[in-house]
Structure formats: C-alpha cells, structure tokens
Amino acid sequence: MIVRRKGQEMKLVIGGLKNKSQNSDPSLISLIAKARHLKAKLQDGAVSSIKEFAEVNSMDHGDAKSLMPFAYLAPSIIEDILAGHQPAELTAVRMKELARHLPHIWSEQRQLLGFPI
C-alpha cells in the first residue's frame, strides 16, 4: 500500500490490483486536447507560430508554449488517460511541472509519469 497525493486529496494505492473503475480527469484530457490542437494548427498552417496560436485562443504565450511537449506523448499514455487509467498522483498540474523534463522516448515518458512500462 502506498498513500499518494492527487491534488488536494490523498489516495490509498494498493499494489498488484488494477483500478477497475474509470477515473477520467477532465483537466488532463483538456491539456492533451489543447496540445494536439496546437500541433495540428501549426502543421496545417492555420497559425504560423505558438505566439499566434496563443493570441487566437486568448492564452498566455508561455502557457501555449508549455503545451508542445504534450503533443508528443506516447499513444499508450493518451489511451490510458482517456480511459481514466492514469496513476493516482498524475494531475494536469503535475504534468505541467514535468513538461520541461518529458523525454522523447515513449517508455521513458511512461516511467516519468508513473505509468507501468
């Protein structure tokens, strides 16, 4: 058993048992959706820069810039988050804290974010 913090609450994580319930986190899903939207707009030429994307979407330039690493998350991480199977301690705030350290290698991303490899 491990006690983990998730935002303001504490969760008891019992090792060896998979969480059968879905705990979708709308904030995490929104973070990934915004990142993928930014990437798509840059790729199709709808916006020419992150700064322009931020202006069009009424965002702070720094916030828009910090989305880019999440546009390159491992597909398995995205699937797990959409299914609500993310680690108990993984929140949107925690993801943003880790953005600068997010590796390019998918297995290393899973490890850093607390997903089983």
Protein backbone atom coordinates (compact mmCIF):
# COMPACT_ATOMS: atom_id res chain seq x y z
CA MET A 1 0.00 0.00 0.00
CA ILE A 2 1.11 3.50 -0.77
CA VAL A 3 -0.53 6.78 0.14
CA ARG A 4 -0.28 9.21 -2.78
CA ARG A 5 -1.31 12.81 -3.14
CA LYS A 6 -3.59 13.74 -6.03
CA GLY A 7 -4.12 17.48 -5.99
CA GLN A 8 -5.74 18.35 -2.66
CA GLU A 9 -6.76 14.78 -1.84
CA MET A 10 -4.87 11.70 -0.68
CA LYS A 11 -5.38 8.29 -2.30
CA LEU A 12 -4.54 4.86 -0.99
CA VAL A 13 -2.93 2.82 -3.78
CA ILE A 14 -2.88 -0.92 -3.23
CA GLY A 15 -0.15 -2.62 -5.23
CA GLY A 16 -0.97 -5.51 -7.53
CA LEU A 17 -4.59 -4.50 -8.02
CA LYS A 18 -5.71 -2.79 -11.18
CA ASN A 19 -8.15 0.04 -10.82
CA LYS A 20 -11.30 -1.33 -12.47
CA SER A 21 -13.19 1.94 -12.21
CA GLN A 22 -12.58 4.73 -14.64
CA ASN A 23 -11.35 7.96 -13.14
CA SER A 24 -11.24 10.22 -16.17
CA ASP A 25 -9.59 13.51 -15.35
CA PRO A 26 -11.13 16.28 -17.49
CA SER A 27 -8.17 18.59 -16.79
CA LEU A 28 -5.66 16.03 -18.10
CA ILE A 29 -7.81 15.30 -21.14
CA SER A 30 -8.17 19.02 -21.86
CA LEU A 31 -4.40 19.54 -21.58
CA ILE A 32 -3.73 16.83 -24.15
CA ALA A 33 -6.52 18.06 -26.44
CA LYS A 34 -5.15 21.62 -26.41
CA ALA A 35 -1.64 20.35 -27.16
CA ARG A 36 -2.82 18.26 -30.09
CA HIS A 37 -4.92 21.18 -31.36
CA LEU A 38 -1.86 23.45 -31.25
CA LYS A 39 0.24 20.91 -33.13
CA ALA A 40 -2.45 20.43 -35.78
CA LYS A 41 -2.85 24.20 -36.31
CA LEU A 42 0.90 24.61 -36.72
CA GLN A 43 1.16 21.67 -39.12
CA ASP A 44 -1.72 22.72 -41.38
CA GLY A 45 -0.57 26.35 -41.44
CA ALA A 46 -3.68 27.76 -39.76
CA VAL A 47 -1.30 29.58 -37.42
CA SER A 48 2.31 30.44 -38.13
CA SER A 49 3.62 30.38 -34.57
CA ILE A 50 2.84 29.45 -31.00
CA LYS A 51 2.52 33.15 -30.27
CA GLU A 52 -0.20 33.49 -32.92
CA PHE A 53 -1.98 30.40 -31.56
CA ALA A 54 -1.95 31.95 -28.08
CA GLU A 55 -3.40 35.21 -29.39
CA VAL A 56 -6.14 33.47 -31.39
CA ASN A 57 -7.08 31.31 -28.39
CA SER A 58 -6.80 34.10 -25.77
CA MET A 59 -3.98 32.30 -23.97
CA ASP A 60 -0.76 33.43 -22.41
CA HIS A 61 2.16 32.76 -24.78
CA GLY A 62 4.02 30.85 -22.04
CA ASP A 63 1.01 28.61 -21.40
CA ALA A 64 0.66 27.84 -25.10
CA LYS A 65 4.39 27.14 -25.40
CA SER A 66 4.27 24.72 -22.47
CA LEU A 67 1.67 22.61 -24.34
CA MET A 68 4.08 21.44 -27.04
CA PRO A 69 5.66 18.50 -25.15
CA PHE A 70 2.19 17.02 -24.61
CA ALA A 71 1.56 16.94 -28.35
CA TYR A 72 4.20 14.20 -28.49
CA LEU A 73 3.02 11.92 -25.70
CA ALA A 74 3.15 8.19 -26.26
CA PRO A 75 -0.12 6.94 -27.76
CA SER A 76 -0.43 4.42 -24.92
CA ILE A 77 -0.29 7.25 -22.37
CA ILE A 78 -3.04 9.14 -24.19
CA GLU A 79 -5.17 5.98 -24.35
CA ASP A 80 -4.69 5.33 -20.63
CA ILE A 81 -5.60 8.91 -19.70
CA LEU A 82 -8.70 8.87 -21.92
CA ALA A 83 -9.74 5.58 -20.30
CA GLY A 84 -9.17 7.03 -16.84
CA HIS A 85 -6.29 4.65 -16.07
CA GLN A 86 -3.66 7.24 -15.23
CA PRO A 87 -1.64 6.94 -12.00
CA ALA A 88 -3.44 8.38 -8.96
CA GLU A 89 -0.85 11.13 -8.49
CA LEU A 90 -0.88 12.29 -12.12
CA THR A 91 -2.82 15.52 -12.47
CA ALA A 92 -2.73 18.30 -15.06
CA VAL A 93 -0.73 20.42 -12.61
CA ARG A 94 1.80 17.61 -12.15
CA MET A 95 2.05 17.10 -15.92
CA LYS A 96 2.77 20.81 -16.41
CA GLU A 97 5.50 20.62 -13.76
CA LEU A 98 7.13 17.77 -15.67
CA ALA A 99 6.80 19.33 -19.14
CA ARG A 100 10.42 20.51 -19.35
CA HIS A 101 11.70 17.08 -18.38
CA LEU A 102 9.45 14.99 -20.63
CA PRO A 103 11.67 12.60 -22.60
CA HIS A 104 11.18 11.86 -26.30
CA ILE A 105 11.35 8.08 -25.77
CA TRP A 106 7.88 6.76 -25.03
CA SER A 107 8.92 4.13 -22.46
CA GLU A 108 10.80 6.85 -20.56
CA GLN A 109 7.70 9.08 -20.69
CA ARG A 110 5.66 6.27 -19.15
CA GLN A 111 8.22 5.82 -16.40
CA LEU A 112 8.49 9.54 -15.61
CA LEU A 113 4.70 9.96 -15.46
CA GLY A 114 4.24 6.88 -13.25
CA PHE A 115 2.64 4.50 -15.76
CA PRO A 116 3.60 0.82 -15.75
CA ILE A 117 6.09 0.05 -18.51
